[in-house]
PDB file of N, CA and C in Angstrom:
ATOM      1  N   MET A   1      -3.113 -23.036  -3.227  1.00  0.00           N
ATOM      2  CA  MET A   1      -3.266 -21.961  -2.271  1.00  0.00           C
ATOM      3  C   MET A   1      -3.932 -22.529  -1.023  1.00  0.00           C
ATOM      4  N   GLN A   2      -3.392 -22.149   0.106  1.00  0.00           N
ATOM      5  CA  GLN A   2      -3.920 -22.554   1.404  1.00  0.00           C
ATOM      6  C   GLN A   2      -4.593 -21.352   2.068  1.00  0.00           C
ATOM      7  N   PRO A   3      -5.513 -21.576   3.013  1.00  0.00           N
ATOM      8  CA  PRO A   3      -6.173 -20.441   3.677  1.00  0.00           C
ATOM      9  C   PRO A   3      -5.197 -19.436   4.292  1.00  0.00           C
ATOM     10  N   ALA A   4      -4.096 -19.882   4.832  1.00  0.00           N
ATOM     11  CA  ALA A   4      -3.129 -18.965   5.459  1.00  0.00           C
ATOM     12  C   ALA A   4      -2.429 -18.078   4.428  1.00  0.00           C
ATOM     13  N   ASP A   5      -2.464 -18.479   3.163  1.00  0.00           N
ATOM     14  CA  ASP A   5      -1.826 -17.681   2.115  1.00  0.00           C
ATOM     15  C   ASP A   5      -2.499 -16.326   1.915  1.00  0.00           C
ATOM     16  N   ILE A   6      -3.723 -16.187   2.374  1.00  0.00           N
ATOM     17  CA  ILE A   6      -4.431 -14.913   2.214  1.00  0.00           C
ATOM     18  C   ILE A   6      -3.663 -13.773   2.885  1.00  0.00           C
ATOM     19  N   ALA A   7      -2.910 -14.075   3.926  1.00  0.00           N
ATOM     20  CA  ALA A   7      -2.142 -13.043   4.634  1.00  0.00           C
ATOM     21  C   ALA A   7      -0.970 -12.540   3.802  1.00  0.00           C
ATOM     22  N   ARG A   8      -0.610 -13.258   2.763  1.00  0.00           N
ATOM     23  CA  ARG A   8       0.507 -12.839   1.911  1.00  0.00           C
ATOM     24  C   ARG A   8       0.080 -11.913   0.784  1.00  0.00           C
ATOM     25  N   ILE A   9      -1.225 -11.780   0.591  1.00  0.00           N
ATOM     26  CA  ILE A   9      -1.730 -10.933  -0.487  1.00  0.00           C
ATOM     27  C   ILE A   9      -1.718  -9.473  -0.050  1.00  0.00           C
ATOM     28  N   VAL A  10      -1.110  -8.636  -0.847  1.00  0.00           N
ATOM     29  CA  VAL A  10      -1.055  -7.197  -0.589  1.00  0.00           C
ATOM     30  C   VAL A  10      -1.757  -6.494  -1.743  1.00  0.00           C
ATOM     31  N   SER A  11      -2.641  -5.582  -1.416  1.00  0.00           N
ATOM     32  CA  SER A  11      -3.343  -4.837  -2.467  1.00  0.00           C
ATOM     33  C   SER A  11      -2.888  -3.383  -2.461  1.00  0.00           C
ATOM     34  N   VAL A  12      -2.871  -2.795  -3.638  1.00  0.00           N
ATOM     35  CA  VAL A  12      -2.527  -1.382  -3.789  1.00  0.00           C
ATOM     36  C   VAL A  12      -3.689  -0.729  -4.528  1.00  0.00           C
ATOM     37  N   SER A  13      -4.193   0.390  -3.979  1.00  0.00           N
ATOM     38  CA  SER A  13      -5.352   1.037  -4.588  1.00  0.00           C
ATOM     39  C   SER A  13      -5.322   2.543  -4.381  1.00  0.00           C
ATOM     40  N   CYS A  14      -6.257   3.210  -4.988  1.00  0.00           N
ATOM     41  CA  CYS A  14      -6.512   4.652  -4.819  1.00  0.00           C
ATOM     42  C   CYS A  14      -5.301   5.540  -5.099  1.00  0.00           C
ATOM     43  N   PRO A  15      -4.597   5.352  -6.208  1.00  0.00           N
ATOM     44  CA  PRO A  15      -3.463   6.238  -6.476  1.00  0.00           C
ATOM     45  C   PRO A  15      -3.938   7.673  -6.708  1.00  0.00           C
ATOM     46  N   ALA A  16      -3.168   8.629  -6.195  1.00  0.00           N
ATOM     47  CA  ALA A  16      -3.486  10.055  -6.381  1.00  0.00           C
ATOM     48  C   ALA A  16      -2.184  10.818  -6.545  1.00  0.00           C
ATOM     49  N   LEU A  17      -2.094  11.574  -7.602  1.00  0.00           N
ATOM     50  CA  LEU A  17      -0.906  12.360  -7.910  1.00  0.00           C
ATOM     51  C   LEU A  17      -0.958  13.695  -7.171  1.00  0.00           C
ATOM     52  N   SER A  18       0.179  14.142  -6.657  1.00  0.00           N
ATOM     53  CA  SER A  18       0.240  15.442  -5.987  1.00  0.00           C
ATOM     54  C   SER A  18       0.032  16.549  -7.028  1.00  0.00           C
ATOM     55  N   PRO A  19      -0.407  17.729  -6.598  1.00  0.00           N
ATOM     56  CA  PRO A  19      -0.647  18.826  -7.558  1.00  0.00           C
ATOM     57  C   PRO A  19       0.574  19.171  -8.418  1.00  0.00           C
ATOM     58  N   ASP A  20       1.773  19.042  -7.854  1.00  0.00           N
ATOM     59  CA  ASP A  20       2.968  19.365  -8.641  1.00  0.00           C
ATOM     60  C   ASP A  20       3.464  18.186  -9.482  1.00  0.00           C
ATOM     61  N   GLY A  21       2.821  17.024  -9.358  1.00  0.00           N
ATOM     62  CA  GLY A  21       3.176  15.861 -10.162  1.00  0.00           C
ATOM     63  C   GLY A  21       4.435  15.140  -9.736  1.00  0.00           C
ATOM     64  N   ARG A  22       5.003  15.501  -8.592  1.00  0.00           N
ATOM     65  CA  ARG A  22       6.259  14.898  -8.146  1.00  0.00           C
ATOM     66  C   ARG A  22       6.074  13.683  -7.248  1.00  0.00           C
ATOM     67  N   ARG A  23       4.907  13.552  -6.621  1.00  0.00           N
ATOM     68  CA  ARG A  23       4.664  12.440  -5.696  1.00  0.00           C
ATOM     69  C   ARG A  23       3.329  11.782  -6.010  1.00  0.00           C
ATOM     70  N   VAL A  24       3.228  10.538  -5.579  1.00  0.00           N
ATOM     71  CA  VAL A  24       1.965   9.816  -5.699  1.00  0.00           C
ATOM     72  C   VAL A  24       1.642   9.210  -4.330  1.00  0.00           C
ATOM     73  N   GLY A  25       0.391   9.334  -3.936  1.00  0.00           N
ATOM     74  CA  GLY A  25      -0.089   8.696  -2.713  1.00  0.00           C
ATOM     75  C   GLY A  25      -0.919   7.491  -3.116  1.00  0.00           C
ATOM     76  N   PHE A  26      -0.911   6.457  -2.282  1.00  0.00           N
ATOM     77  CA  PHE A  26      -1.677   5.247  -2.584  1.00  0.00           C
ATOM     78  C   PHE A  26      -1.944   4.498  -1.285  1.00  0.00           C
ATOM     79  N   VAL A  27      -2.920   3.608  -1.322  1.00  0.00           N
ATOM     80  CA  VAL A  27      -3.295   2.821  -0.149  1.00  0.00           C
ATOM     81  C   VAL A  27      -2.782   1.394  -0.333  1.00  0.00           C
ATOM     82  N   VAL A  28      -2.100   0.880   0.692  1.00  0.00           N
ATOM     83  CA  VAL A  28      -1.619  -0.505   0.703  1.00  0.00           C
ATOM     84  C   VAL A  28      -2.446  -1.261   1.744  1.00  0.00           C
ATOM     85  N   GLY A  29      -3.062  -2.357   1.324  1.00  0.00           N
ATOM     86  CA  GLY A  29      -3.900  -3.139   2.223  1.00  0.00           C
ATOM     87  C   GLY A  29      -3.417  -4.572   2.338  1.00  0.00           C
ATOM     88  N   ARG A  30      -3.676  -5.163   3.484  1.00  0.00           N
ATOM     89  CA  ARG A  30      -3.314  -6.560   3.721  1.00  0.00           C
ATOM     90  C   ARG A  30      -4.224  -7.134   4.801  1.00  0.00           C
ATOM     91  N   ILE A  31      -4.208  -8.436   4.953  1.00  0.00           N
ATOM     92  CA  ILE A  31      -4.989  -9.123   5.977  1.00  0.00           C
ATOM     93  C   ILE A  31      -4.066  -9.461   7.145  1.00  0.00           C
ATOM     94  N   ASP A  32      -4.490  -9.106   8.361  1.00  0.00           N
ATOM     95  CA  ASP A  32      -3.772  -9.465   9.586  1.00  0.00           C
ATOM     96  C   ASP A  32      -4.506 -10.655  10.197  1.00  0.00           C
ATOM     97  N   LEU A  33      -3.989 -11.861   9.958  1.00  0.00           N
ATOM     98  CA  LEU A  33      -4.661 -13.061  10.448  1.00  0.00           C
ATOM     99  C   LEU A  33      -4.707 -13.121  11.967  1.00  0.00           C
ATOM    100  N   ASP A  34      -3.648 -12.692  12.639  1.00  0.00           N
ATOM    101  CA  ASP A  34      -3.613 -12.753  14.100  1.00  0.00           C
ATOM    102  C   ASP A  34      -4.718 -11.907  14.727  1.00  0.00           C
ATOM    103  N   ALA A  35      -4.958 -10.731  14.159  1.00  0.00           N
ATOM    104  CA  ALA A  35      -5.988  -9.832  14.690  1.00  0.00           C
ATOM    105  C   ALA A  35      -7.340 -10.056  14.017  1.00  0.00           C
ATOM    106  N   ASN A  36      -7.364 -10.900  12.967  1.00  0.00           N
ATOM    107  CA  ASN A  36      -8.581 -11.153  12.209  1.00  0.00           C
ATOM    108  C   ASN A  36      -9.170  -9.855  11.666  1.00  0.00           C
ATOM    109  N   ARG A  37      -8.281  -9.032  11.073  1.00  0.00           N
ATOM    110  CA  ARG A  37      -8.690  -7.723  10.545  1.00  0.00           C
ATOM    111  C   ARG A  37      -7.973  -7.427   9.248  1.00  0.00           C
ATOM    112  N   ARG A  38      -8.566  -6.536   8.483  1.00  0.00           N
ATOM    113  CA  ARG A  38      -7.904  -5.990   7.298  1.00  0.00           C
ATOM    114  C   ARG A  38      -7.184  -4.723   7.744  1.00  0.00           C
ATOM    115  N   ARG A  39      -5.947  -4.578   7.370  1.00  0.00           N
ATOM    116  CA  ARG A  39      -5.145  -3.407   7.717  1.00  0.00           C
ATOM    117  C   ARG A  39      -4.846  -2.618   6.445  1.00  0.00           C
ATOM    118  N   SER A  40      -4.840  -1.308   6.558  1.00  0.00           N
ATOM    119  CA  SER A  40      -4.468  -0.486   5.413  1.00  0.00           C
ATOM    120  C   SER A  40      -3.714   0.742   5.895  1.00  0.00           C
ATOM    121  N   ALA A  41      -2.906   1.285   5.014  1.00  0.00           N
ATOM    122  CA  ALA A  41      -2.111   2.471   5.335  1.00  0.00           C
ATOM    123  C   ALA A  41      -1.886   3.265   4.053  1.00  0.00           C
ATOM    124  N   VAL A  42      -1.797   4.572   4.201  1.00  0.00           N
ATOM    125  CA  VAL A  42      -1.494   5.446   3.068  1.00  0.00           C
ATOM    126  C   VAL A  42       0.018   5.558   2.940  1.00  0.00           C
ATOM    127  N   TRP A  43       0.503   5.400   1.739  1.00  0.00           N
ATOM    128  CA  TRP A  43       1.925   5.517   1.435  1.00  0.00           C
ATOM    129  C   TRP A  43       2.120   6.637   0.435  1.00  0.00           C
ATOM    130  N   ILE A  44       3.324   7.218   0.427  1.00  0.00           N
ATOM    131  CA  ILE A  44       3.690   8.276  -0.519  1.00  0.00           C
ATOM    132  C   ILE A  44       5.026   7.891  -1.147  1.00  0.00           C
ATOM    133  N   ALA A  45       5.126   8.114  -2.450  1.00  0.00           N
ATOM    134  CA  ALA A  45       6.374   7.815  -3.157  1.00  0.00           C
ATOM    135  C   ALA A  45       6.655   8.912  -4.173  1.00  0.00           C
ATOM    136  N   ASP A  46       7.938   9.182  -4.416  1.00  0.00           N
ATOM    137  CA  ASP A  46       8.334  10.084  -5.485  1.00  0.00           C
ATOM    138  C   ASP A  46       8.072   9.389  -6.817  1.00  0.00           C
ATOM    139  N   VAL A  47       7.517  10.102  -7.760  1.00  0.00           N
ATOM    140  CA  VAL A  47       7.185   9.528  -9.065  1.00  0.00           C
ATOM    141  C   VAL A  47       8.431   9.032  -9.791  1.00  0.00           C
ATOM    142  N   ASP A  48       9.547   9.723  -9.625  1.00  0.00           N
ATOM    143  CA  ASP A  48      10.765   9.326 -10.333  1.00  0.00           C
ATOM    144  C   ASP A  48      11.517   8.181  -9.656  1.00  0.00           C
ATOM    145  N   GLY A  49      11.049   7.721  -8.498  1.00  0.00           N
ATOM    146  CA  GLY A  49      11.658   6.587  -7.818  1.00  0.00           C
ATOM    147  C   GLY A  49      12.976   6.876  -7.132  1.00  0.00           C
ATOM    148  N   THR A  50      13.317   8.140  -6.903  1.00  0.00           N
ATOM    149  CA  THR A  50      14.606   8.465  -6.297  1.00  0.00           C
ATOM    150  C   THR A  50      14.689   8.116  -4.817  1.00  0.00           C
ATOM    151  N   THR A  51      13.568   8.041  -4.146  1.00  0.00           N
ATOM    152  CA  THR A  51      13.574   7.664  -2.718  1.00  0.00           C
ATOM    153  C   THR A  51      12.590   6.529  -2.500  1.00  0.00           C
ATOM    154  N   ALA A  52      12.794   5.795  -1.419  1.00  0.00           N
ATOM    155  CA  ALA A  52      11.910   4.671  -1.088  1.00  0.00           C
ATOM    156  C   ALA A  52      10.543   5.215  -0.647  1.00  0.00           C
ATOM    157  N   PRO A  53       9.463   4.502  -0.984  1.00  0.00           N
ATOM    158  CA  PRO A  53       8.132   4.915  -0.508  1.00  0.00           C
ATOM    159  C   PRO A  53       8.112   4.969   1.016  1.00  0.00           C
ATOM    160  N   MET A  54       7.273   5.845   1.568  1.00  0.00           N
ATOM    161  CA  MET A  54       7.168   5.937   3.026  1.00  0.00           C
ATOM    162  C   MET A  54       5.715   5.985   3.442  1.00  0.00           C
ATOM    163  N   ARG A  55       5.457   5.477   4.626  1.00  0.00           N
ATOM    164  CA  ARG A  55       4.118   5.488   5.194  1.00  0.00           C
ATOM    165  C   ARG A  55       3.699   6.850   5.584  1.00  0.00           C
TER     166      ARG A  55
END
């Protein structure tokens, strides 16, 4: 592993199921080496996988 490889690591955390149980929200995090910052975004996905996750 090289220091630049840290930018390839993606973390997924904080899963939360919607009240109706059809969707799950989660946080996707990564390192932005150019900006020297950690970036994160909330994503939502259908539990059954019928559609692609979206930001």
